[in-house]
Amino acid sequence: MEFPTNIKYTNEHEWIRLEGDIAYVGITDYAQQQLGDIVFIDVPTEGETLEKGETFGTVEVVKTVSDLFLPIGGEVMEVNPQLEEHPELVNQDPYGEGWIIKLKPTNTDEMNELLDAAAYKEIINE
């Protein structure tokens, strides 16, 4: 299981990576393993500004649908266009090609409240 150190994690198993003034958001390697084969990603919030912790979309697997929560507040700028045809990218490369949204953060200081890789490992008992 991967735990990149250049990103921050949430207790709800989302990750966020800041690149300049844009943040990439996805679900962790642990989350995708727990969910199983992802068949659909639904993000109806593109273009909306949401607060930290709000639901920005869902991940659908064969037997269930799970909510996605924003790690920090901001405007949902873009949904990964590859996921419409290839939702399995989230399973195959959760921290790379499997990113879910690009976010324009409203307050990057909220990143300080998130977990680093070591703290996230402790939460999932790795």
C-alpha atoms as a PDB file:
ATOM      1  CA  MET A   1       0.000   0.000   0.000  1.00  0.00           C
ATOM      2  CA  GLU A   2       1.289   3.452  -0.887  1.00  0.00           C
ATOM      3  CA  PHE A   3       1.544   6.468   1.450  1.00  0.00           C
ATOM      4  CA  PRO A   4       3.090   9.361  -0.509  1.00  0.00           C
ATOM      5  CA  THR A   5       4.605  12.009   1.758  1.00  0.00           C
ATOM      6  CA  ASN A   6       3.914  14.953  -0.590  1.00  0.00           C
ATOM      7  CA  ILE A   7       0.175  14.889   0.104  1.00  0.00           C
ATOM      8  CA  LYS A   8      -2.162  15.317   3.088  1.00  0.00           C
ATOM      9  CA  TYR A   9      -4.830  12.847   4.182  1.00  0.00           C
ATOM     10  CA  THR A  10      -8.246  12.975   5.853  1.00  0.00           C
ATOM     11  CA  ASN A  11      -9.858  10.632   8.368  1.00  0.00           C
ATOM     12  CA  GLU A  12     -12.433   9.871   5.636  1.00  0.00           C
ATOM     13  CA  HIS A  13      -9.664   8.524   3.328  1.00  0.00           C
ATOM     14  CA  GLU A  14      -9.399  11.378   0.830  1.00  0.00           C
ATOM     15  CA  TRP A  15      -6.025  12.868  -0.106  1.00  0.00           C
ATOM     16  CA  ILE A  16      -5.065  16.338  -1.348  1.00  0.00           C
ATOM     17  CA  ARG A  17      -1.943  17.588  -3.130  1.00  0.00           C
ATOM     18  CA  LEU A  18      -1.340  21.299  -3.600  1.00  0.00           C
ATOM     19  CA  GLU A  19       0.367  22.355  -6.854  1.00  0.00           C
ATOM     20  CA  GLY A  20       0.653  26.128  -6.959  1.00  0.00           C
ATOM     21  CA  ASP A  21      -2.837  27.546  -6.434  1.00  0.00           C
ATOM     22  CA  ILE A  22      -4.634  24.353  -7.541  1.00  0.00           C
ATOM     23  CA  ALA A  23      -5.154  21.225  -5.434  1.00  0.00           C
ATOM     24  CA  TYR A  24      -5.732  17.694  -6.696  1.00  0.00           C
ATOM     25  CA  VAL A  25      -8.092  15.536  -4.622  1.00  0.00           C
ATOM     26  CA  GLY A  26      -8.720  11.797  -4.701  1.00  0.00           C
ATOM     27  CA  ILE A  27      -9.227   8.777  -2.477  1.00  0.00           C
ATOM     28  CA  THR A  28      -6.383   6.922  -0.820  1.00  0.00           C
ATOM     29  CA  ASP A  29      -4.894   3.604  -1.830  1.00  0.00           C
ATOM     30  CA  TYR A  30      -6.385   2.146   1.359  1.00  0.00           C
ATOM     31  CA  ALA A  31      -9.862   3.460   0.457  1.00  0.00           C
ATOM     32  CA  GLN A  32      -9.826   2.052  -3.066  1.00  0.00           C
ATOM     33  CA  GLN A  33      -8.698  -1.342  -1.736  1.00  0.00           C
ATOM     34  CA  GLN A  34     -11.491  -1.362   0.846  1.00  0.00           C
ATOM     35  CA  LEU A  35     -14.121  -0.359  -1.724  1.00  0.00           C
ATOM     36  CA  GLY A  36     -13.122  -2.818  -4.436  1.00  0.00           C
ATOM     37  CA  ASP A  37     -13.683  -2.328  -8.164  1.00  0.00           C
ATOM     38  CA  ILE A  38     -14.869   1.213  -8.823  1.00  0.00           C
ATOM     39  CA  VAL A  39     -17.481   1.349 -11.590  1.00  0.00           C
ATOM     40  CA  PHE A  40     -18.571   5.005 -11.555  1.00  0.00           C
ATOM     41  CA  ILE A  41     -17.527   8.389 -10.144  1.00  0.00           C
ATOM     42  CA  ASP A  42     -20.207  11.081  -9.841  1.00  0.00           C
ATOM     43  CA  VAL A  43     -19.180  14.682  -9.120  1.00  0.00           C
ATOM     44  CA  PRO A  44     -22.185  16.975  -9.652  1.00  0.00           C
ATOM     45  CA  THR A  45     -20.462  19.904  -7.899  1.00  0.00           C
ATOM     46  CA  GLU A  46     -18.133  21.109 -10.689  1.00  0.00           C
ATOM     47  CA  GLY A  47     -18.059  24.908 -10.610  1.00  0.00           C
ATOM     48  CA  GLU A  48     -19.436  25.079  -7.046  1.00  0.00           C
ATOM     49  CA  THR A  49     -17.626  26.465  -4.021  1.00  0.00           C
ATOM     50  CA  LEU A  50     -17.928  24.156  -1.032  1.00  0.00           C
ATOM     51  CA  GLU A  51     -16.726  24.156   2.559  1.00  0.00           C
ATOM     52  CA  LYS A  52     -14.242  21.739   4.120  1.00  0.00           C
ATOM     53  CA  GLY A  53     -15.975  18.443   4.908  1.00  0.00           C
ATOM     54  CA  GLU A  54     -18.873  18.911   2.474  1.00  0.00           C
ATOM     55  CA  THR A  55     -19.798  16.116   0.080  1.00  0.00           C
ATOM     56  CA  PHE A  56     -18.533  16.828  -3.430  1.00  0.00           C
ATOM     57  CA  GLY A  57     -19.483  13.568  -5.123  1.00  0.00           C
ATOM     58  CA  THR A  58     -19.755   9.797  -4.843  1.00  0.00           C
ATOM     59  CA  VAL A  59     -17.811   6.667  -5.734  1.00  0.00           C
ATOM     60  CA  GLU A  60     -19.857   3.715  -6.900  1.00  0.00           C
ATOM     61  CA  VAL A  61     -18.689   0.130  -6.598  1.00  0.00           C
ATOM     62  CA  VAL A  62     -20.572  -3.044  -7.432  1.00  0.00           C
ATOM     63  CA  LYS A  63     -22.501  -3.237  -4.143  1.00  0.00           C
ATOM     64  CA  THR A  64     -22.472   0.275  -2.670  1.00  0.00           C
ATOM     65  CA  VAL A  65     -22.079   4.021  -3.149  1.00  0.00           C
ATOM     66  CA  SER A  66     -19.754   6.064  -0.923  1.00  0.00           C
ATOM     67  CA  ASP A  67     -19.689   9.829  -0.454  1.00  0.00           C
ATOM     68  CA  LEU A  68     -16.596  11.912  -1.196  1.00  0.00           C
ATOM     69  CA  PHE A  69     -15.749  14.711   1.252  1.00  0.00           C
ATOM     70  CA  LEU A  70     -13.662  17.821   0.563  1.00  0.00           C
ATOM     71  CA  PRO A  71     -10.426  17.904   2.563  1.00  0.00           C
ATOM     72  CA  ILE A  72     -10.405  21.729   2.457  1.00  0.00           C
ATOM     73  CA  GLY A  73     -12.848  24.341   1.217  1.00  0.00           C
ATOM     74  CA  GLY A  74     -12.714  25.672  -2.328  1.00  0.00           C
ATOM     75  CA  GLU A  75     -14.171  25.753  -5.815  1.00  0.00           C
ATOM     76  CA  VAL A  76     -14.424  22.458  -7.702  1.00  0.00           C
ATOM     77  CA  MET A  77     -12.650  23.493 -10.927  1.00  0.00           C
ATOM     78  CA  GLU A  78     -12.547  20.251 -12.890  1.00  0.00           C
ATOM     79  CA  VAL A  79     -13.493  16.603 -12.696  1.00  0.00           C
ATOM     80  CA  ASN A  80     -10.882  14.200 -14.069  1.00  0.00           C
ATOM     81  CA  PRO A  81     -12.211  13.653 -17.620  1.00  0.00           C
ATOM     82  CA  GLN A  82     -10.603  10.201 -17.869  1.00  0.00           C
ATOM     83  CA  LEU A  83     -12.799   8.820 -15.089  1.00  0.00           C
ATOM     84  CA  GLU A  84     -15.979   8.944 -17.163  1.00  0.00           C
ATOM     85  CA  GLU A  85     -14.648   6.208 -19.457  1.00  0.00           C
ATOM     86  CA  HIS A  86     -12.125   4.674 -17.042  1.00  0.00           C
ATOM     87  CA  PRO A  87     -13.247   4.851 -13.377  1.00  0.00           C
ATOM     88  CA  GLU A  88     -10.874   1.938 -12.690  1.00  0.00           C
ATOM     89  CA  LEU A  89      -7.978   4.439 -12.817  1.00  0.00           C
ATOM     90  CA  VAL A  90      -8.837   5.231  -9.191  1.00  0.00           C
ATOM     91  CA  ASN A  91      -8.082   1.586  -8.343  1.00  0.00           C
ATOM     92  CA  GLN A  92      -4.990   1.384 -10.538  1.00  0.00           C
ATOM     93  CA  ASP A  93      -3.309   4.727  -9.727  1.00  0.00           C
ATOM     94  CA  PRO A  94      -5.139   6.504  -6.880  1.00  0.00           C
ATOM     95  CA  TYR A  95      -2.454   9.184  -6.373  1.00  0.00           C
ATOM     96  CA  GLY A  96      -1.677   9.803 -10.049  1.00  0.00           C
ATOM     97  CA  GLU A  97      -3.972   9.304 -13.041  1.00  0.00           C
ATOM     98  CA  GLY A  98      -6.820   8.425 -10.649  1.00  0.00           C
ATOM     99  CA  TRP A  99      -7.201  11.917  -9.141  1.00  0.00           C
ATOM    100  CA  ILE A 100     -10.887  12.864  -8.941  1.00  0.00           C
ATOM    101  CA  ILE A 101     -11.108  16.680  -8.894  1.00  0.00           C
ATOM    102  CA  LYS A 102      -9.037  19.822  -9.202  1.00  0.00           C
ATOM    103  CA  LEU A 103      -9.882  22.365  -6.530  1.00  0.00           C
ATOM    104  CA  LYS A 104      -9.141  26.076  -6.195  1.00  0.00           C
ATOM    105  CA  PRO A 105      -8.718  26.365  -2.400  1.00  0.00           C
ATOM    106  CA  THR A 106     -10.305  29.245  -0.514  1.00  0.00           C
ATOM    107  CA  ASN A 107      -7.956  28.863   2.481  1.00  0.00           C
ATOM    108  CA  THR A 108      -4.803  26.747   2.167  1.00  0.00           C
ATOM    109  CA  ASP A 109      -4.233  27.079   5.938  1.00  0.00           C
ATOM    110  CA  GLU A 110      -6.867  24.329   6.287  1.00  0.00           C
ATOM    111  CA  MET A 111      -4.174  21.947   4.966  1.00  0.00           C
ATOM    112  CA  ASN A 112      -2.469  22.263   8.376  1.00  0.00           C
ATOM    113  CA  GLU A 113      -5.429  20.475   9.975  1.00  0.00           C
ATOM    114  CA  LEU A 114      -4.988  17.375   7.794  1.00  0.00           C
ATOM    115  CA  LEU A 115      -2.920  14.253   8.436  1.00  0.00           C
ATOM    116  CA  ASP A 116       0.566  13.556   7.147  1.00  0.00           C
ATOM    117  CA  ALA A 117       1.479  10.064   5.875  1.00  0.00           C
ATOM    118  CA  ALA A 118       2.675   8.815   9.287  1.00  0.00           C
ATOM    119  CA  ALA A 119      -0.507   9.962  11.076  1.00  0.00           C
ATOM    120  CA  TYR A 120      -2.700   8.465   8.343  1.00  0.00           C
ATOM    121  CA  LYS A 121      -0.883   5.106   8.630  1.00  0.00           C
ATOM    122  CA  GLU A 122      -1.631   5.109  12.363  1.00  0.00           C
ATOM    123  CA  ILE A 123      -5.341   5.686  11.718  1.00  0.00           C
ATOM    124  CA  ILE A 124      -5.600   2.668   9.439  1.00  0.00           C
ATOM    125  CA  ASN A 125      -3.201   0.623  11.595  1.00  0.00           C
ATOM    126  CA  GLU A 126      -0.549   0.051   8.944  1.00  0.00           C
END
